[in-house]
Amino acid sequence: MNLKNLKYLFLLMMSALVLASCSETDENTDSEYDEWQAKNKTAFAEILVKAKQEGEANGWHVYRNWSMENQTGNTDLNNKPVTPTFNEQEDNIVVQVLGQGEGSAVRPLYTDSVMVSYKGMLKNDYVFDSNFTTGDYDVDKAQTSNFIVKGVVDGFATALMKMTHIGDHWMVYMPYTLGYGSSQSSSLTIPAYSMLKFEIVLKGWYTDGKWIKK
């Protein structure tokens, strides 16, 4: 076999290896996101059960979507009261308290601006957004971001309005209904129907014309 044929055979072998590698990667990626909606629904249901089992004494809380929390019933055509319908797995967030801050117990309002350090993840721990600068939260290295509470998704807003101290450090789980919904996020790598996990540290908030910080 001459050198020309050997070179041709080598190129064929390399091409086959590359194609096989790409195929394996694609299969692994596809399988991970197969039945994504069902997997995410199950994941949130499991964390909801865990929160109830662990209880508030162990730092677990379940909070209803802020927009439904104080909702009262309407009346039907016969002027009889109608109780609002809530879906436990679609209208709640789950919070695991990782650390409690200090200061007076005053909650940010829907129209307030906040200063936070955060990391956003999918259920498989894929990080789609973060200002931690390092993998884990480091109080000395993490950056902060400022935004209006009403400018974030309902699950994130609900958590912020439940935080009562500067320095509160929470892991927040939210169903897709309180995240980015049934559409894939155009600006972030978030598939449709994704349960989201946000590690959030409240660093301050702006209300009544001034910043409240630690």
Protein backbone atom coordinates (compact mmCIF):
# COMPACT_ATOMS: atom_id res chain seq x y z
CA MET A 1 0.00 0.00 0.00
CA ASN A 2 1.52 3.36 -1.03
CA LEU A 3 1.67 6.51 1.06
CA LYS A 4 -1.25 8.09 -0.79
CA ASN A 5 -3.53 5.18 0.09
CA LEU A 6 -2.34 5.16 3.70
CA LYS A 7 -3.13 8.85 4.01
CA TYR A 8 -6.60 8.28 2.55
CA LEU A 9 -7.26 5.39 4.95
CA PHE A 10 -6.11 7.47 7.91
CA LEU A 11 -8.48 10.30 6.98
CA LEU A 12 -11.39 7.87 6.70
CA MET A 13 -10.66 6.44 10.14
CA MET A 14 -10.43 9.90 11.72
CA SER A 15 -13.70 10.97 10.11
CA ALA A 16 -15.43 7.89 11.47
CA LEU A 17 -14.15 8.60 14.99
CA VAL A 18 -15.31 12.22 14.86
CA LEU A 19 -18.77 11.24 13.61
CA ALA A 20 -19.10 8.59 16.31
CA SER A 21 -18.08 11.06 19.00
CA CYS A 22 -20.56 13.68 17.77
CA SER A 23 -23.31 11.08 17.59
CA GLU A 24 -22.65 9.93 21.15
CA THR A 25 -22.66 13.52 22.42
CA ASP A 26 -25.92 14.29 20.61
CA GLU A 27 -27.54 11.15 21.99
CA ASN A 28 -26.50 12.01 25.55
CA THR A 29 -27.77 15.58 25.16
CA ASP A 30 -31.04 14.47 23.61
CA SER A 31 -31.69 11.81 26.25
CA GLU A 32 -31.11 14.30 29.06
CA TYR A 33 -33.80 16.59 27.69
CA ASP A 34 -36.26 13.90 26.59
CA GLU A 35 -39.64 14.34 28.31
CA TRP A 36 -38.25 17.52 29.86
CA GLN A 37 -41.64 18.84 30.97
CA ALA A 38 -42.54 15.64 32.81
CA LYS A 39 -39.11 15.41 34.43
CA ASN A 40 -39.28 18.98 35.66
CA LYS A 41 -42.80 18.56 36.98
CA THR A 42 -41.67 15.50 38.93
CA ALA A 43 -38.57 17.29 40.23
CA PHE A 44 -40.62 20.15 41.65
CA ALA A 45 -43.20 17.78 43.14
CA GLU A 46 -40.39 15.94 44.93
CA ILE A 47 -38.84 19.12 46.34
CA LEU A 48 -42.31 20.25 47.48
CA VAL A 49 -42.75 16.98 49.39
CA LYS A 50 -39.26 17.34 50.89
CA ALA A 51 -40.05 20.87 52.09
CA LYS A 52 -43.20 19.69 53.84
CA GLN A 53 -41.39 16.77 55.44
CA GLU A 54 -38.45 18.86 56.66
CA GLY A 55 -40.65 21.74 57.84
CA GLU A 56 -39.98 25.36 58.70
CA ALA A 57 -38.05 24.38 61.81
CA ASN A 58 -35.38 22.96 59.50
CA GLY A 59 -35.32 25.98 57.23
CA TRP A 60 -37.77 24.87 54.54
CA HIS A 61 -40.71 27.04 53.49
CA VAL A 62 -43.46 26.94 50.87
CA TYR A 63 -44.73 30.30 49.65
CA ARG A 64 -47.64 31.02 47.35
CA ASN A 65 -47.11 33.18 44.27
CA TRP A 66 -47.17 36.79 45.47
CA SER A 67 -49.99 37.70 43.04
CA MET A 68 -52.28 35.08 44.60
CA GLU A 69 -51.30 35.34 48.24
CA ASN A 70 -54.01 37.80 49.27
CA GLN A 71 -56.50 36.84 46.61
CA THR A 72 -60.10 36.63 47.80
CA GLY A 73 -62.98 34.84 46.19
CA ASN A 74 -65.31 36.41 43.67
CA THR A 75 -69.02 35.75 43.34
CA ASP A 76 -70.88 33.76 40.71
CA LEU A 77 -73.99 34.79 38.78
CA ASN A 78 -76.10 33.95 41.83
CA ASN A 79 -73.93 36.18 44.01
CA LYS A 80 -72.52 33.18 45.85
CA PRO A 81 -68.84 33.27 46.86
CA VAL A 82 -66.41 31.39 44.65
CA THR A 83 -63.20 30.23 46.26
CA PRO A 84 -60.09 30.93 44.14
CA THR A 85 -58.48 27.82 42.68
CA PHE A 86 -54.81 27.26 43.43
CA ASN A 87 -52.58 24.59 41.98
CA GLU A 88 -50.12 23.53 44.65
CA GLN A 89 -47.47 22.48 42.14
CA GLU A 90 -47.85 25.51 39.87
CA ASP A 91 -48.59 28.41 42.23
CA ASN A 92 -45.98 27.85 44.98
CA ILE A 93 -42.26 28.26 45.36
CA VAL A 94 -40.09 26.24 47.74
CA VAL A 95 -37.38 27.93 49.80
CA GLN A 96 -34.46 26.38 51.64
CA VAL A 97 -32.85 28.90 53.99
CA LEU A 98 -29.06 28.65 53.69
CA GLY A 99 -28.34 31.61 55.94
CA GLN A 100 -30.21 34.37 57.76
CA GLY A 101 -29.17 37.98 57.51
CA GLU A 102 -29.28 40.76 60.06
CA GLY A 103 -31.19 43.96 60.64
CA SER A 104 -34.82 44.92 60.94
CA ALA A 105 -37.51 42.70 59.48
CA VAL A 106 -38.70 44.81 56.55
CA ARG A 107 -39.59 43.18 53.24
CA PRO A 108 -38.90 44.61 49.79
CA LEU A 109 -42.05 45.69 47.99
CA TYR A 110 -43.06 44.88 44.42
CA THR A 111 -42.09 48.39 43.31
CA ASP A 112 -38.76 48.50 45.17
CA SER A 113 -35.33 48.02 43.64
CA VAL A 114 -33.07 45.36 45.12
CA MET A 115 -29.37 44.52 45.15
CA VAL A 116 -28.66 40.79 44.98
CA SER A 117 -26.02 38.19 44.33
CA TYR A 118 -27.51 35.18 42.58
CA LYS A 119 -26.98 32.00 40.59
CA GLY A 120 -29.68 30.55 38.33
CA MET A 121 -29.71 26.84 37.53
CA LEU A 122 -31.80 24.21 35.80
CA LYS A 123 -32.84 21.09 37.69
CA ASN A 124 -29.67 19.33 36.49
CA ASP A 125 -27.54 22.12 38.05
CA TYR A 126 -26.66 23.64 34.67
CA VAL A 127 -25.88 27.30 35.44
CA PHE A 128 -27.58 29.63 32.97
CA ASP A 129 -26.87 32.92 34.76
CA SER A 130 -24.79 34.01 37.74
CA ASN A 131 -22.87 36.92 39.22
CA PHE A 132 -21.05 34.83 41.83
CA THR A 133 -17.78 34.97 39.75
CA THR A 134 -16.84 31.66 41.42
CA GLY A 135 -18.76 28.39 41.42
CA ASP A 136 -19.97 28.73 45.00
CA TYR A 137 -21.08 31.89 46.73
CA ASP A 138 -18.17 33.84 48.23
CA VAL A 139 -19.23 36.94 50.14
CA ASP A 140 -15.92 38.65 49.32
CA LYS A 141 -15.92 37.87 45.59
CA ALA A 142 -19.54 37.73 44.47
CA GLN A 143 -20.77 40.67 42.44
CA THR A 144 -24.19 42.28 42.85
CA SER A 145 -26.92 43.25 40.42
CA ASN A 146 -29.62 45.87 40.85
CA PHE A 147 -33.13 45.52 39.45
CA ILE A 148 -36.77 46.26 40.24
CA VAL A 149 -38.66 43.43 41.93
CA LYS A 150 -41.52 43.66 39.43
CA GLY A 151 -39.02 43.21 36.60
CA VAL A 152 -38.20 39.57 37.37
CA VAL A 153 -40.21 36.36 36.98
CA ASP A 154 -42.96 35.72 39.54
CA GLY A 155 -41.06 33.00 41.40
CA PHE A 156 -38.03 35.24 41.91
CA ALA A 157 -40.21 38.21 42.88
CA THR A 158 -42.13 36.11 45.40
CA ALA A 159 -38.89 35.05 47.08
CA LEU A 160 -37.55 38.60 47.24
CA MET A 161 -40.74 39.88 48.86
CA LYS A 162 -40.47 37.18 51.54
CA MET A 163 -36.89 38.01 52.50
CA THR A 164 -36.83 40.06 55.69
CA HIS A 165 -33.16 40.75 56.40
CA ILE A 166 -30.19 42.10 54.48
CA GLY A 167 -27.93 39.11 53.99
CA ASP A 168 -30.69 36.50 53.73
CA HIS A 169 -29.28 33.61 51.70
CA TRP A 170 -31.80 31.27 50.10
CA MET A 171 -32.06 28.45 47.60
CA VAL A 172 -35.33 28.99 45.75
CA TYR A 173 -37.11 26.34 43.67
CA MET A 174 -39.87 27.41 41.31
CA PRO A 175 -42.06 25.55 38.81
CA TYR A 176 -41.95 26.56 35.17
CA THR A 177 -45.24 28.43 35.63
CA LEU A 178 -43.48 30.91 37.92
CA GLY A 179 -40.32 30.95 35.81
CA TYR A 180 -40.09 31.30 32.04
CA GLY A 181 -43.20 29.28 31.30
CA SER A 182 -43.86 27.09 28.28
CA SER A 183 -41.57 29.03 25.94
CA GLN A 184 -37.81 28.75 25.70
CA SER A 185 -36.04 31.85 27.00
CA SER A 186 -34.69 33.88 24.09
CA SER A 187 -31.91 35.55 26.09
CA LEU A 188 -30.87 32.66 28.35
CA THR A 189 -30.25 28.96 27.73
CA ILE A 190 -33.46 27.80 29.39
CA PRO A 191 -35.66 25.15 27.72
CA ALA A 192 -39.42 25.49 27.89
CA TYR A 193 -41.13 23.98 30.97
CA SER A 194 -38.01 24.29 33.13
CA MET A 195 -38.15 24.20 36.89
CA LEU A 196 -35.63 26.80 38.04
CA LYS A 197 -33.31 26.93 41.03
CA PHE A 198 -31.98 30.28 42.19
CA GLU A 199 -29.43 30.74 44.93
CA ILE A 200 -30.12 34.30 46.09
CA VAL A 201 -28.41 36.59 48.58
CA LEU A 202 -30.20 39.85 49.37
CA LYS A 203 -27.56 42.57 49.68
CA GLY A 204 -29.84 45.60 49.86
CA TRP A 205 -32.95 47.31 48.57
CA TYR A 206 -33.96 50.80 47.54
CA THR A 207 -37.14 52.18 49.03
CA ASP A 208 -38.45 55.59 50.07
CA GLY A 209 -35.61 57.31 48.25
CA LYS A 210 -32.70 55.51 49.93
CA TRP A 211 -30.72 52.27 49.84
CA ILE A 212 -30.99 49.97 52.83
CA LYS A 213 -27.83 47.89 53.13
CA LYS A 214 -26.07 45.81 55.75
